[in-house]
C-alpha cells in the first residue's frame, strides 16, 4: 500500500470513529466535564500515535536511501539499499539502484578506456626509452671505450667513471622501461612476472618474499595485467610510504578465482585518506569484476587483498615455465624477459 493511502485511511478511520461517537452515546457538555476531556484527549493521542507509527514506517526506507546516497562509492560495487517500504519509497529506491548501476557501468567503461590509453602510452614511452635513449647511451658507452683506449693514463680513471655513470644510466632506463611495459608478463606469464617484480623491489632495507605457484587457473589477459599492476602499486606504496623492512607477495588459487596478497610490516594506513594509488587499484579491480580490500595486517602493517574471479569451468592450468617459489633470491630464470 502506498504511503498516501496508509495515512489517508488512518486519518479517515479516526474521523469516522470520532463522528460515530459524537452522533452516538458520547456527548460534550458546556462547560466540558473532566471525564469528557479525558476521553477526547485519549482519542486525540491515539490518532496522533497512529499517524506517527505510519509515518515512521513509511519514511524509514527514505532515511535508509538518504544514508546510502550520502555514503555511495562507485568504486565499491554491490552496495545497494534494500528495496522495501511503501510503493512510492520502494519505487524511488529501485530507481536509485538502477541509476547507480548505470553510473557504475559508465564509470567502469570510462575508466577502462582511460586505463587502456594509459597502458598504450606506457608501451609507447617504454619503446622510445629502449629504442632511442637506450641506443644513444649504448653508443656513448662504445665511444667512451674507444676514448679510454687512447687517452693518457692520468685521464683513464675519469673516463672510467664516465663509463660507469653512463652504464648506470642505461640500466636505470631499462629498469624504467621494464616497469612501464612488463615484457616478462607477455613472454613468460603471470607467475614469472610476479616473481621478477618481487626481486625488483628487493633492495637495501626491504626484502620481498614471494609465494607464487605454477598451477594457477587460466586468466584473461586483462585480469593478469590488473593483478600485475595492483601488485606493482602495492609494493611501490610499501617501498615509498610504509617504512617497512619486509613484504610478502603471494598469489593462490581459490574456489572460483585467485587471490593476490601484498602484505608489509610497515606503519599501516592509519587515518590518512586514500590517495591516487589506492583509487587506481580500485578502478582496475572494478574493470574485471574483482574485489579489493585494504586491511590491517596481523601485528602491524597493511594487507592488500585482490580477489579475481575466473570463468566457470576453468579451474586448472599448468605453465611449463612456471615453478613454485617462496623466496626472492634467484633472478636468473625470471629475468629472461627483462628487455623491453
C-alpha atoms as a PDB file:
ATOM      1  CA  UNK A   1       0.000   0.000   0.000  1.00  0.00           C
ATOM      2  CA  UNK A   2       1.239   3.469  -0.831  1.00  0.00           C
ATOM      3  CA  UNK A   3       2.141   5.953   1.882  1.00  0.00           C
ATOM      4  CA  UNK A   4      -0.700   8.244   0.790  1.00  0.00           C
ATOM      5  CA  UNK A   5      -3.368   5.605   1.293  1.00  0.00           C
ATOM      6  CA  UNK A   6      -1.878   4.494   4.598  1.00  0.00           C
ATOM      7  CA  UNK A   7      -2.089   7.990   6.075  1.00  0.00           C
ATOM      8  CA  UNK A   8      -5.440   8.756   4.446  1.00  0.00           C
ATOM      9  CA  UNK A   9      -7.130   5.592   5.672  1.00  0.00           C
ATOM     10  CA  UNK A  10      -5.748   6.018   9.196  1.00  0.00           C
ATOM     11  CA  UNK A  11      -6.994   9.603   9.408  1.00  0.00           C
ATOM     12  CA  UNK A  12     -10.315   8.629   7.815  1.00  0.00           C
ATOM     13  CA  UNK A  13     -10.771   5.837  10.346  1.00  0.00           C
ATOM     14  CA  UNK A  14     -10.070   8.239  13.212  1.00  0.00           C
ATOM     15  CA  UNK A  15     -12.542  10.807  11.899  1.00  0.00           C
ATOM     16  CA  UNK A  16     -15.236   8.183  11.248  1.00  0.00           C
ATOM     17  CA  UNK A  17     -14.866   6.805  14.778  1.00  0.00           C
ATOM     18  CA  UNK A  18     -14.977  10.308  16.280  1.00  0.00           C
ATOM     19  CA  UNK A  19     -18.078  11.200  14.253  1.00  0.00           C
ATOM     20  CA  UNK A  20     -19.832   7.975  15.200  1.00  0.00           C
ATOM     21  CA  UNK A  21     -19.118   8.540  18.861  1.00  0.00           C
ATOM     22  CA  UNK A  22     -20.370  12.126  18.736  1.00  0.00           C
ATOM     23  CA  UNK A  23     -23.558  11.050  16.958  1.00  0.00           C
ATOM     24  CA  UNK A  24     -23.970   8.165  19.379  1.00  0.00           C
ATOM     25  CA  UNK A  25     -23.834   7.998  23.173  1.00  0.00           C
ATOM     26  CA  UNK A  26     -20.865  10.338  23.602  1.00  0.00           C
ATOM     27  CA  UNK A  27     -21.730  13.969  24.342  1.00  0.00           C
ATOM     28  CA  UNK A  28     -19.724  17.074  25.143  1.00  0.00           C
ATOM     29  CA  UNK A  29     -21.122  19.298  27.822  1.00  0.00           C
ATOM     30  CA  UNK A  30     -20.743  23.018  28.223  1.00  0.00           C
ATOM     31  CA  UNK A  31     -18.584  23.565  30.127  1.00  0.00           C
ATOM     32  CA  UNK A  32     -16.631  20.354  29.309  1.00  0.00           C
ATOM     33  CA  UNK A  33     -16.511  17.866  32.119  1.00  0.00           C
ATOM     34  CA  UNK A  34     -13.249  16.303  33.268  1.00  0.00           C
ATOM     35  CA  UNK A  35     -14.222  12.807  32.123  1.00  0.00           C
ATOM     36  CA  UNK A  36     -15.254  14.058  28.692  1.00  0.00           C
ATOM     37  CA  UNK A  37     -11.979  15.970  28.318  1.00  0.00           C
ATOM     38  CA  UNK A  38     -10.015  12.844  29.208  1.00  0.00           C
ATOM     39  CA  UNK A  39     -11.894  10.825  26.582  1.00  0.00           C
ATOM     40  CA  UNK A  40     -11.246  13.464  23.907  1.00  0.00           C
ATOM     41  CA  UNK A  41      -7.569  13.714  24.807  1.00  0.00           C
ATOM     42  CA  UNK A  42      -7.204   9.926  24.739  1.00  0.00           C
ATOM     43  CA  UNK A  43      -8.759   9.774  21.271  1.00  0.00           C
ATOM     44  CA  UNK A  44      -6.512  12.585  20.024  1.00  0.00           C
ATOM     45  CA  UNK A  45      -3.439  10.865  21.479  1.00  0.00           C
ATOM     46  CA  UNK A  46      -4.426   7.576  19.811  1.00  0.00           C
ATOM     47  CA  UNK A  47      -4.883   9.336  16.461  1.00  0.00           C
ATOM     48  CA  UNK A  48      -1.507  11.119  16.753  1.00  0.00           C
ATOM     49  CA  UNK A  49       0.232   7.902  17.783  1.00  0.00           C
ATOM     50  CA  UNK A  50      -1.239   6.063  14.805  1.00  0.00           C
ATOM     51  CA  UNK A  51      -0.075   8.817  12.461  1.00  0.00           C
ATOM     52  CA  UNK A  52       3.404   8.754  13.996  1.00  0.00           C
ATOM     53  CA  UNK A  53       3.674   4.964  13.562  1.00  0.00           C
ATOM     54  CA  UNK A  54       2.504   5.086   9.955  1.00  0.00           C
ATOM     55  CA  UNK A  55       4.853   7.942   9.099  1.00  0.00           C
ATOM     56  CA  UNK A  56       7.789   6.259  10.839  1.00  0.00           C
ATOM     57  CA  UNK A  57       7.220   3.016   8.961  1.00  0.00           C
ATOM     58  CA  UNK A  58       6.749   4.861   5.698  1.00  0.00           C
ATOM     59  CA  UNK A  59       9.735   7.190   5.984  1.00  0.00           C
ATOM     60  CA  UNK A  60      12.294   4.674   7.341  1.00  0.00           C
ATOM     61  CA  UNK A  61      13.125   3.402   3.823  1.00  0.00           C
ATOM     62  CA  UNK A  62      13.686   7.003   2.739  1.00  0.00           C
ATOM     63  CA  UNK A  63      16.097   7.524   5.627  1.00  0.00           C
ATOM     64  CA  UNK A  64      17.989   4.412   4.515  1.00  0.00           C
ATOM     65  CA  UNK A  65      18.031   5.757   0.979  1.00  0.00           C
ATOM     66  CA  UNK A  66      19.406   9.103   2.154  1.00  0.00           C
ATOM     67  CA  UNK A  67      22.182   7.373   4.090  1.00  0.00           C
ATOM     68  CA  UNK A  68      23.007   5.203   1.068  1.00  0.00           C
ATOM     69  CA  UNK A  69      23.151   8.256  -1.199  1.00  0.00           C
ATOM     70  CA  UNK A  70      25.440  10.095   1.236  1.00  0.00           C
ATOM     71  CA  UNK A  71      27.854   7.153   1.505  1.00  0.00           C
ATOM     72  CA  UNK A  72      27.665   5.836  -2.073  1.00  0.00           C
ATOM     73  CA  UNK A  73      31.022   4.970  -3.657  1.00  0.00           C
ATOM     74  CA  UNK A  74      31.120   3.928  -7.296  1.00  0.00           C
ATOM     75  CA  UNK A  75      34.417   2.133  -6.653  1.00  0.00           C
ATOM     76  CA  UNK A  76      32.718  -0.278  -4.235  1.00  0.00           C
ATOM     77  CA  UNK A  77      30.333  -2.459  -6.260  1.00  0.00           C
ATOM     78  CA  UNK A  78      27.321  -4.202  -4.806  1.00  0.00           C
ATOM     79  CA  UNK A  79      26.471  -1.717  -2.026  1.00  0.00           C
ATOM     80  CA  UNK A  80      22.771  -1.033  -2.655  1.00  0.00           C
ATOM     81  CA  UNK A  81      19.917  -0.047  -0.311  1.00  0.00           C
ATOM     82  CA  UNK A  82      17.172  -2.626   0.152  1.00  0.00           C
ATOM     83  CA  UNK A  83      14.037  -2.105  -1.925  1.00  0.00           C
ATOM     84  CA  UNK A  84      11.346  -2.048   0.773  1.00  0.00           C
ATOM     85  CA  UNK A  85       8.609   0.102   2.291  1.00  0.00           C
ATOM     86  CA  UNK A  86       5.570   1.768   0.754  1.00  0.00           C
ATOM     87  CA  UNK A  87       5.091   1.762  -3.000  1.00  0.00           C
ATOM     88  CA  UNK A  88       6.478   5.272  -3.526  1.00  0.00           C
ATOM     89  CA  UNK A  89       9.565   4.638  -1.390  1.00  0.00           C
ATOM     90  CA  UNK A  90      10.201   1.216  -2.961  1.00  0.00           C
ATOM     91  CA  UNK A  91       9.905   2.672  -6.459  1.00  0.00           C
ATOM     92  CA  UNK A  92      12.267   5.518  -5.558  1.00  0.00           C
ATOM     93  CA  UNK A  93      14.850   3.114  -4.097  1.00  0.00           C
ATOM     94  CA  UNK A  94      14.607   0.827  -7.125  1.00  0.00           C
ATOM     95  CA  UNK A  95      15.093   3.804  -9.449  1.00  0.00           C
ATOM     96  CA  UNK A  96      18.101   4.944  -7.440  1.00  0.00           C
ATOM     97  CA  UNK A  97      19.646   1.458  -7.601  1.00  0.00           C
ATOM     98  CA  UNK A  98      19.133   1.358 -11.354  1.00  0.00           C
ATOM     99  CA  UNK A  99      20.731   4.779 -11.722  1.00  0.00           C
ATOM    100  CA  UNK A 100      23.662   3.696  -9.551  1.00  0.00           C
ATOM    101  CA  UNK A 101      24.178   0.571 -11.657  1.00  0.00           C
ATOM    102  CA  UNK A 102      24.161   2.665 -14.807  1.00  0.00           C
ATOM    103  CA  UNK A 103      26.602   5.204 -13.369  1.00  0.00           C
ATOM    104  CA  UNK A 104      28.879   2.426 -12.184  1.00  0.00           C
ATOM    105  CA  UNK A 105      28.817   0.771 -15.606  1.00  0.00           C
ATOM    106  CA  UNK A 106      29.552   4.086 -17.335  1.00  0.00           C
ATOM    107  CA  UNK A 107      32.363   4.833 -14.882  1.00  0.00           C
ATOM    108  CA  UNK A 108      33.847   1.387 -15.422  1.00  0.00           C
ATOM    109  CA  UNK A 109      33.679   1.828 -19.189  1.00  0.00           C
ATOM    110  CA  UNK A 110      35.269   5.266 -18.980  1.00  0.00           C
ATOM    111  CA  UNK A 111      37.940   4.062 -16.601  1.00  0.00           C
ATOM    112  CA  UNK A 112      38.608   1.116 -18.884  1.00  0.00           C
ATOM    113  CA  UNK A 113      39.196   3.401 -21.839  1.00  0.00           C
ATOM    114  CA  UNK A 114      41.395   5.680 -19.740  1.00  0.00           C
ATOM    115  CA  UNK A 115      43.454   2.806 -18.353  1.00  0.00           C
ATOM    116  CA  UNK A 116      43.806   1.261 -21.803  1.00  0.00           C
ATOM    117  CA  UNK A 117      45.040   4.595 -23.124  1.00  0.00           C
ATOM    118  CA  UNK A 118      47.424   4.746 -20.167  1.00  0.00           C
ATOM    119  CA  UNK A 119      48.763   1.282 -20.936  1.00  0.00           C
ATOM    120  CA  UNK A 120      49.221   2.213 -24.599  1.00  0.00           C
ATOM    121  CA  UNK A 121      51.090   5.341 -23.572  1.00  0.00           C
ATOM    122  CA  UNK A 122      53.251   3.302 -21.192  1.00  0.00           C
ATOM    123  CA  UNK A 123      54.143   0.964 -24.040  1.00  0.00           C
ATOM    124  CA  UNK A 124      54.985   3.866 -26.330  1.00  0.00           C
ATOM    125  CA  UNK A 125      57.200   5.557 -23.733  1.00  0.00           C
ATOM    126  CA  UNK A 126      58.914   2.258 -22.888  1.00  0.00           C
ATOM    127  CA  UNK A 127      59.577   1.595 -26.566  1.00  0.00           C
ATOM    128  CA  UNK A 128      61.007   5.074 -27.072  1.00  0.00           C
ATOM    129  CA  UNK A 129      63.167   4.757 -23.959  1.00  0.00           C
ATOM    130  CA  UNK A 130      64.525   1.456 -25.189  1.00  0.00           C
ATOM    131  CA  UNK A 131      64.922   2.352 -28.857  1.00  0.00           C
ATOM    132  CA  UNK A 132      66.025   5.968 -28.585  1.00  0.00           C
ATOM    133  CA  UNK A 133      67.564   6.667 -25.185  1.00  0.00           C
ATOM    134  CA  UNK A 134      68.880   3.136 -24.711  1.00  0.00           C
ATOM    135  CA  UNK A 135      70.591   3.036 -28.077  1.00  0.00           C
ATOM    136  CA  UNK A 136      72.015   6.514 -27.591  1.00  0.00           C
ATOM    137  CA  UNK A 137      73.527   5.573 -24.231  1.00  0.00           C
ATOM    138  CA  UNK A 138      74.882   2.350 -25.742  1.00  0.00           C
ATOM    139  CA  UNK A 139      76.589   4.369 -28.478  1.00  0.00           C
ATOM    140  CA  UNK A 140      78.043   6.697 -25.848  1.00  0.00           C
ATOM    141  CA  UNK A 141      79.461   3.700 -23.979  1.00  0.00           C
ATOM    142  CA  UNK A 142      81.146   2.448 -27.136  1.00  0.00           C
ATOM    143  CA  UNK A 143      82.619   5.879 -27.810  1.00  0.00           C
ATOM    144  CA  UNK A 144      83.897   6.135 -24.243  1.00  0.00           C
ATOM    145  CA  UNK A 145      85.522   2.721 -24.616  1.00  0.00           C
ATOM    146  CA  UNK A 146      87.377   3.889 -27.719  1.00  0.00           C
ATOM    147  CA  UNK A 147      88.376   7.086 -25.923  1.00  0.00           C
ATOM    148  CA  UNK A 148      89.606   5.114 -22.902  1.00  0.00           C
ATOM    149  CA  UNK A 149      91.963   3.149 -25.152  1.00  0.00           C
ATOM    150  CA  UNK A 150      93.572   6.340 -26.475  1.00  0.00           C
ATOM    151  CA  UNK A 151      93.672   8.847 -23.604  1.00  0.00           C
ATOM    152  CA  UNK A 152      96.761   9.241 -21.416  1.00  0.00           C
ATOM    153  CA  UNK A 153      96.982   7.111 -18.303  1.00  0.00           C
ATOM    154  CA  UNK A 154      96.245  10.026 -15.972  1.00  0.00           C
ATOM    155  CA  UNK A 155      92.830  10.564 -17.627  1.00  0.00           C
ATOM    156  CA  UNK A 156      91.721   6.951 -17.804  1.00  0.00           C
ATOM    157  CA  UNK A 157      90.230   6.987 -14.325  1.00  0.00           C
ATOM    158  CA  UNK A 158      87.967   9.922 -15.193  1.00  0.00           C
ATOM    159  CA  UNK A 159      86.916   8.235 -18.420  1.00  0.00           C
ATOM    160  CA  UNK A 160      86.233   5.050 -16.462  1.00  0.00           C
ATOM    161  CA  UNK A 161      83.984   6.994 -14.059  1.00  0.00           C
ATOM    162  CA  UNK A 162      82.116   8.422 -17.045  1.00  0.00           C
ATOM    163  CA  UNK A 163      81.650   4.892 -18.383  1.00  0.00           C
ATOM    164  CA  UNK A 164      80.254   3.701 -15.075  1.00  0.00           C
ATOM    165  CA  UNK A 165      77.870   6.661 -14.853  1.00  0.00           C
ATOM    166  CA  UNK A 166      76.665   6.044 -18.402  1.00  0.00           C
ATOM    167  CA  UNK A 167      76.244   2.330 -17.737  1.00  0.00           C
ATOM    168  CA  UNK A 168      74.244   3.105 -14.569  1.00  0.00           C
ATOM    169  CA  UNK A 169      72.030   5.490 -16.534  1.00  0.00           C
ATOM    170  CA  UNK A 170      71.466   2.813 -19.177  1.00  0.00           C
ATOM    171  CA  UNK A 171      70.483   0.272 -16.507  1.00  0.00           C
ATOM    172  CA  UNK A 172      68.077   2.805 -14.973  1.00  0.00           C
ATOM    173  CA  UNK A 173      66.475   3.486 -18.361  1.00  0.00           C
ATOM    174  CA  UNK A 174      65.998  -0.248 -18.883  1.00  0.00           C
ATOM    175  CA  UNK A 175      64.535  -0.628 -15.389  1.00  0.00           C
ATOM    176  CA  UNK A 176      62.047   2.176 -16.011  1.00  0.00           C
ATOM    177  CA  UNK A 177      61.113   0.666 -19.368  1.00  0.00           C
ATOM    178  CA  UNK A 178      60.505  -2.726 -17.726  1.00  0.00           C
ATOM    179  CA  UNK A 179      58.186  -1.158 -15.162  1.00  0.00           C
ATOM    180  CA  UNK A 180      56.307   0.748 -17.850  1.00  0.00           C
ATOM    181  CA  UNK A 181      55.841  -2.327 -20.043  1.00  0.00           C
ATOM    182  CA  UNK A 182      56.138  -5.674 -18.242  1.00  0.00           C
ATOM    183  CA  UNK A 183      57.612  -7.683 -21.095  1.00  0.00           C
ATOM    184  CA  UNK A 184      58.105 -10.679 -18.815  1.00  0.00           C
ATOM    185  CA  UNK A 185      54.318 -10.799 -18.304  1.00  0.00           C
ATOM    186  CA  UNK A 186      53.764 -11.156 -22.039  1.00  0.00           C
ATOM    187  CA  UNK A 187      56.633 -13.567 -22.625  1.00  0.00           C
ATOM    188  CA  UNK A 188      56.740 -15.847 -19.568  1.00  0.00           C
ATOM    189  CA  UNK A 189      53.355 -15.422 -17.901  1.00  0.00           C
ATOM    190  CA  UNK A 190      51.938 -14.006 -14.694  1.00  0.00           C
ATOM    191  CA  UNK A 191      53.798 -16.200 -12.187  1.00  0.00           C
ATOM    192  CA  UNK A 192      57.237 -15.347 -13.565  1.00  0.00           C
ATOM    193  CA  UNK A 193      56.278 -11.686 -13.840  1.00  0.00           C
ATOM    194  CA  UNK A 194      55.286 -11.540 -10.159  1.00  0.00           C
ATOM    195  CA  UNK A 195      58.495 -13.275  -9.071  1.00  0.00           C
ATOM    196  CA  UNK A 196      60.510 -10.848 -11.155  1.00  0.00           C
ATOM    197  CA  UNK A 197      58.573  -7.947  -9.636  1.00  0.00           C
ATOM    198  CA  UNK A 198      59.324  -9.179  -6.125  1.00  0.00           C
ATOM    199  CA  UNK A 199      63.016  -9.444  -6.987  1.00  0.00           C
ATOM    200  CA  UNK A 200      62.996  -5.949  -8.455  1.00  0.00           C
ATOM    201  CA  UNK A 201      61.649  -4.418  -5.232  1.00  0.00           C
ATOM    202  CA  UNK A 202      64.135  -6.246  -3.045  1.00  0.00           C
ATOM    203  CA  UNK A 203      66.729  -3.585  -2.314  1.00  0.00           C
ATOM    204  CA  UNK A 204      68.571  -2.029   0.602  1.00  0.00           C
ATOM    205  CA  UNK A 205      66.313  -2.074   3.642  1.00  0.00           C
ATOM    206  CA  UNK A 206      63.404  -4.002   2.073  1.00  0.00           C
ATOM    207  CA  UNK A 207      63.118  -7.741   1.494  1.00  0.00           C
ATOM    208  CA  UNK A 208      60.203  -9.080  -0.550  1.00  0.00           C
ATOM    209  CA  UNK A 209      59.317 -12.766  -0.181  1.00  0.00           C
ATOM    210  CA  UNK A 210      57.056 -14.306  -2.793  1.00  0.00           C
ATOM    211  CA  UNK A 211      54.881 -17.390  -2.972  1.00  0.00           C
ATOM    212  CA  UNK A 212      53.518 -17.850  -6.478  1.00  0.00           C
ATOM    213  CA  UNK A 213      52.661 -21.416  -7.543  1.00  0.00           C
ATOM    214  CA  UNK A 214      52.648 -22.525 -11.137  1.00  0.00           C
ATOM    215  CA  UNK A 215      49.299 -24.319 -11.140  1.00  0.00           C
ATOM    216  CA  UNK A 216      47.105 -21.235 -11.400  1.00  0.00           C
ATOM    217  CA  UNK A 217      43.732 -21.301 -13.156  1.00  0.00           C
ATOM    218  CA  UNK A 218      43.692 -19.676 -16.595  1.00  0.00           C
ATOM    219  CA  UNK A 219      43.026 -15.957 -16.525  1.00  0.00           C
ATOM    220  CA  UNK A 220      42.154 -13.437 -19.184  1.00  0.00           C
ATOM    221  CA  UNK A 221      44.997 -11.135 -20.298  1.00  0.00           C
ATOM    222  CA  UNK A 222      43.129  -8.186 -18.763  1.00  0.00           C
ATOM    223  CA  UNK A 223      42.924  -9.978 -15.412  1.00  0.00           C
ATOM    224  CA  UNK A 224      46.630 -10.847 -15.476  1.00  0.00           C
ATOM    225  CA  UNK A 225      47.515  -7.229 -16.225  1.00  0.00           C
ATOM    226  CA  UNK A 226      45.308  -5.969 -13.367  1.00  0.00           C
ATOM    227  CA  UNK A 227      46.896  -8.446 -10.943  1.00  0.00           C
ATOM    228  CA  UNK A 228      50.369  -7.353 -12.012  1.00  0.00           C
ATOM    229  CA  UNK A 229      49.599  -3.632 -11.761  1.00  0.00           C
ATOM    230  CA  UNK A 230      47.951  -3.997  -8.333  1.00  0.00           C
ATOM    231  CA  UNK A 231      50.965  -5.944  -7.071  1.00  0.00           C
ATOM    232  CA  UNK A 232      53.276  -3.309  -8.542  1.00  0.00           C
ATOM    233  CA  UNK A 233      51.359  -0.437  -6.955  1.00  0.00           C
ATOM    234  CA  UNK A 234      51.143  -2.230  -3.612  1.00  0.00           C
ATOM    235  CA  UNK A 235      54.896  -2.833  -3.499  1.00  0.00           C
ATOM    236  CA  UNK A 236      55.544   0.739  -4.647  1.00  0.00           C
ATOM    237  CA  UNK A 237      53.465   2.077  -1.745  1.00  0.00           C
ATOM    238  CA  UNK A 238      55.335  -0.237   0.614  1.00  0.00           C
ATOM    239  CA  UNK A 239      58.727   0.929  -0.607  1.00  0.00           C
ATOM    240  CA  UNK A 240      57.834   4.636  -0.563  1.00  0.00           C
ATOM    241  CA  UNK A 241      55.468   5.184   2.336  1.00  0.00           C
ATOM    242  CA  UNK A 242      55.219   2.168   4.662  1.00  0.00           C
ATOM    243  CA  UNK A 243      58.666   2.365   6.295  1.00  0.00           C
ATOM    244  CA  UNK A 244      58.740  -1.441   6.160  1.00  0.00           C
ATOM    245  CA  UNK A 245      61.712  -3.792   6.020  1.00  0.00           C
ATOM    246  CA  UNK A 246      59.782  -6.894   4.960  1.00  0.00           C
ATOM    247  CA  UNK A 247      56.978  -7.541   2.474  1.00  0.00           C
ATOM    248  CA  UNK A 248      55.176 -10.595   1.166  1.00  0.00           C
ATOM    249  CA  UNK A 249      53.741 -11.184  -2.291  1.00  0.00           C
ATOM    250  CA  UNK A 250      51.539 -14.227  -2.820  1.00  0.00           C
ATOM    251  CA  UNK A 251      49.057 -15.435  -5.385  1.00  0.00           C
ATOM    252  CA  UNK A 252      46.953 -18.500  -4.637  1.00  0.00           C
ATOM    253  CA  UNK A 253      44.034 -20.244  -6.332  1.00  0.00           C
ATOM    254  CA  UNK A 254      40.669 -20.197  -4.577  1.00  0.00           C
ATOM    255  CA  UNK A 255      37.304 -21.750  -5.421  1.00  0.00           C
ATOM    256  CA  UNK A 256      36.046 -19.612  -8.253  1.00  0.00           C
ATOM    257  CA  UNK A 257      39.129 -17.440  -8.695  1.00  0.00           C
ATOM    258  CA  UNK A 258      42.539 -16.408  -7.417  1.00  0.00           C
ATOM    259  CA  UNK A 259      43.621 -14.109  -4.594  1.00  0.00           C
ATOM    260  CA  UNK A 260      46.578 -11.744  -4.640  1.00  0.00           C
ATOM    261  CA  UNK A 261      48.006 -10.674  -1.286  1.00  0.00           C
ATOM    262  CA  UNK A 262      50.541  -7.891  -0.761  1.00  0.00           C
ATOM    263  CA  UNK A 263      51.495  -7.642   2.924  1.00  0.00           C
ATOM    264  CA  UNK A 264      54.050  -5.468   4.696  1.00  0.00           C
ATOM    265  CA  UNK A 265      55.127  -4.845   8.276  1.00  0.00           C
ATOM    266  CA  UNK A 266      55.150  -1.062   7.989  1.00  0.00           C
ATOM    267  CA  UNK A 267      53.236   1.723   9.662  1.00  0.00           C
ATOM    268  CA  UNK A 268      49.831   0.837   8.189  1.00  0.00           C
ATOM    269  CA  UNK A 269      47.213   3.033   6.561  1.00  0.00           C
ATOM    270  CA  UNK A 270      46.250   4.949   9.719  1.00  0.00           C
ATOM    271  CA  UNK A 271      43.698   7.702   9.319  1.00  0.00           C
ATOM    272  CA  UNK A 272      45.121   9.049   6.074  1.00  0.00           C
ATOM    273  CA  UNK A 273      42.716   9.438   3.169  1.00  0.00           C
ATOM    274  CA  UNK A 274      43.053   7.200   0.135  1.00  0.00           C
ATOM    275  CA  UNK A 275      45.457   8.528  -2.441  1.00  0.00           C
ATOM    276  CA  UNK A 276      45.630   8.230  -6.204  1.00  0.00           C
ATOM    277  CA  UNK A 277      47.410   4.871  -5.977  1.00  0.00           C
ATOM    278  CA  UNK A 278      44.631   3.194  -3.994  1.00  0.00           C
ATOM    279  CA  UNK A 279      41.958   4.774  -6.186  1.00  0.00           C
ATOM    280  CA  UNK A 280      43.788   3.448  -9.230  1.00  0.00           C
ATOM    281  CA  UNK A 281      43.838  -0.064  -7.766  1.00  0.00           C
ATOM    282  CA  UNK A 282      40.100   0.132  -7.023  1.00  0.00           C
ATOM    283  CA  UNK A 283      39.349   1.244 -10.584  1.00  0.00           C
ATOM    284  CA  UNK A 284      41.448  -1.555 -12.053  1.00  0.00           C
ATOM    285  CA  UNK A 285      39.694  -4.117  -9.860  1.00  0.00           C
ATOM    286  CA  UNK A 286      36.303  -2.755 -10.922  1.00  0.00           C
ATOM    287  CA  UNK A 287      37.157  -3.272 -14.599  1.00  0.00           C
ATOM    288  CA  UNK A 288      37.373  -7.062 -14.279  1.00  0.00           C
ATOM    289  CA  UNK A 289      34.715  -7.518 -11.602  1.00  0.00           C
ATOM    290  CA  UNK A 290      37.277  -8.183  -8.868  1.00  0.00           C
ATOM    291  CA  UNK A 291      37.063  -7.281  -5.185  1.00  0.00           C
ATOM    292  CA  UNK A 292      39.878  -5.428  -3.458  1.00  0.00           C
ATOM    293  CA  UNK A 293      40.259  -4.791   0.268  1.00  0.00           C
ATOM    294  CA  UNK A 294      42.765  -2.800   2.292  1.00  0.00           C
ATOM    295  CA  UNK A 295      43.066  -4.145   5.837  1.00  0.00           C
ATOM    296  CA  UNK A 296      45.480  -4.018   8.775  1.00  0.00           C
ATOM    297  CA  UNK A 297      47.976  -6.856   8.614  1.00  0.00           C
ATOM    298  CA  UNK A 298      48.385  -9.239  11.579  1.00  0.00           C
ATOM    299  CA  UNK A 299      50.599  -7.493  14.086  1.00  0.00           C
ATOM    300  CA  UNK A 300      51.336  -4.344  12.104  1.00  0.00           C
ATOM    301  CA  UNK A 301      51.388  -3.168   8.537  1.00  0.00           C
ATOM    302  CA  UNK A 302      48.875  -3.384   5.709  1.00  0.00           C
ATOM    303  CA  UNK A 303      47.232  -6.165   3.688  1.00  0.00           C
ATOM    304  CA  UNK A 304      46.125  -5.553   0.110  1.00  0.00           C
ATOM    305  CA  UNK A 305      43.833  -8.394  -0.995  1.00  0.00           C
ATOM    306  CA  UNK A 306      42.586  -8.711  -4.556  1.00  0.00           C
ATOM    307  CA  UNK A 307      40.108 -11.483  -5.363  1.00  0.00           C
ATOM    308  CA  UNK A 308      39.818 -12.082  -9.102  1.00  0.00           C
ATOM    309  CA  UNK A 309      37.026 -14.386 -10.338  1.00  0.00           C
ATOM    310  CA  UNK A 310      37.616 -16.928 -13.083  1.00  0.00           C
ATOM    311  CA  UNK A 311      35.083 -18.162 -15.629  1.00  0.00           C
ATOM    312  CA  UNK A 312      33.087 -21.225 -14.510  1.00  0.00           C
ATOM    313  CA  UNK A 313      34.748 -24.463 -15.521  1.00  0.00           C
ATOM    314  CA  UNK A 314      38.285 -23.020 -15.663  1.00  0.00           C
ATOM    315  CA  UNK A 315      39.943 -24.330 -12.542  1.00  0.00           C
ATOM    316  CA  UNK A 316      43.248 -25.917 -13.556  1.00  0.00           C
ATOM    317  CA  UNK A 317      46.049 -24.837 -15.821  1.00  0.00           C
ATOM    318  CA  UNK A 318      49.764 -25.508 -15.900  1.00  0.00           C
ATOM    319  CA  UNK A 319      52.501 -23.425 -17.416  1.00  0.00           C
ATOM    320  CA  UNK A 320      55.662 -25.399 -18.038  1.00  0.00           C
ATOM    321  CA  UNK A 321      57.909 -22.454 -17.472  1.00  0.00           C
ATOM    322  CA  UNK A 322      56.445 -21.610 -14.028  1.00  0.00           C
ATOM    323  CA  UNK A 323      57.776 -23.393 -10.950  1.00  0.00           C
ATOM    324  CA  UNK A 324      56.725 -22.806  -7.325  1.00  0.00           C
ATOM    325  CA  UNK A 325      58.873 -20.460  -5.291  1.00  0.00           C
ATOM    326  CA  UNK A 326      58.726 -18.781  -1.931  1.00  0.00           C
ATOM    327  CA  UNK A 327      61.891 -16.732  -1.543  1.00  0.00           C
ATOM    328  CA  UNK A 328      63.399 -13.950  -3.548  1.00  0.00           C
ATOM    329  CA  UNK A 329      66.961 -14.558  -4.462  1.00  0.00           C
ATOM    330  CA  UNK A 330      67.408 -16.269  -7.815  1.00  0.00           C
ATOM    331  CA  UNK A 331      66.763 -13.876 -10.668  1.00  0.00           C
ATOM    332  CA  UNK A 332      68.331 -15.889 -13.485  1.00  0.00           C
ATOM    333  CA  UNK A 333      65.165 -17.714 -14.587  1.00  0.00           C
ATOM    334  CA  UNK A 334      62.783 -14.808 -14.052  1.00  0.00           C
ATOM    335  CA  UNK A 335      64.739 -12.021 -15.657  1.00  0.00           C
ATOM    336  CA  UNK A 336      64.785 -13.518 -19.145  1.00  0.00           C
ATOM    337  CA  UNK A 337      62.109 -11.152 -20.327  1.00  0.00           C
ATOM    338  CA  UNK A 338      63.580  -8.018 -18.820  1.00  0.00           C
ATOM    339  CA  UNK A 339      64.483  -6.443 -22.103  1.00  0.00           C
ATOM    340  CA  UNK A 340      61.624  -4.235 -23.238  1.00  0.00           C
END
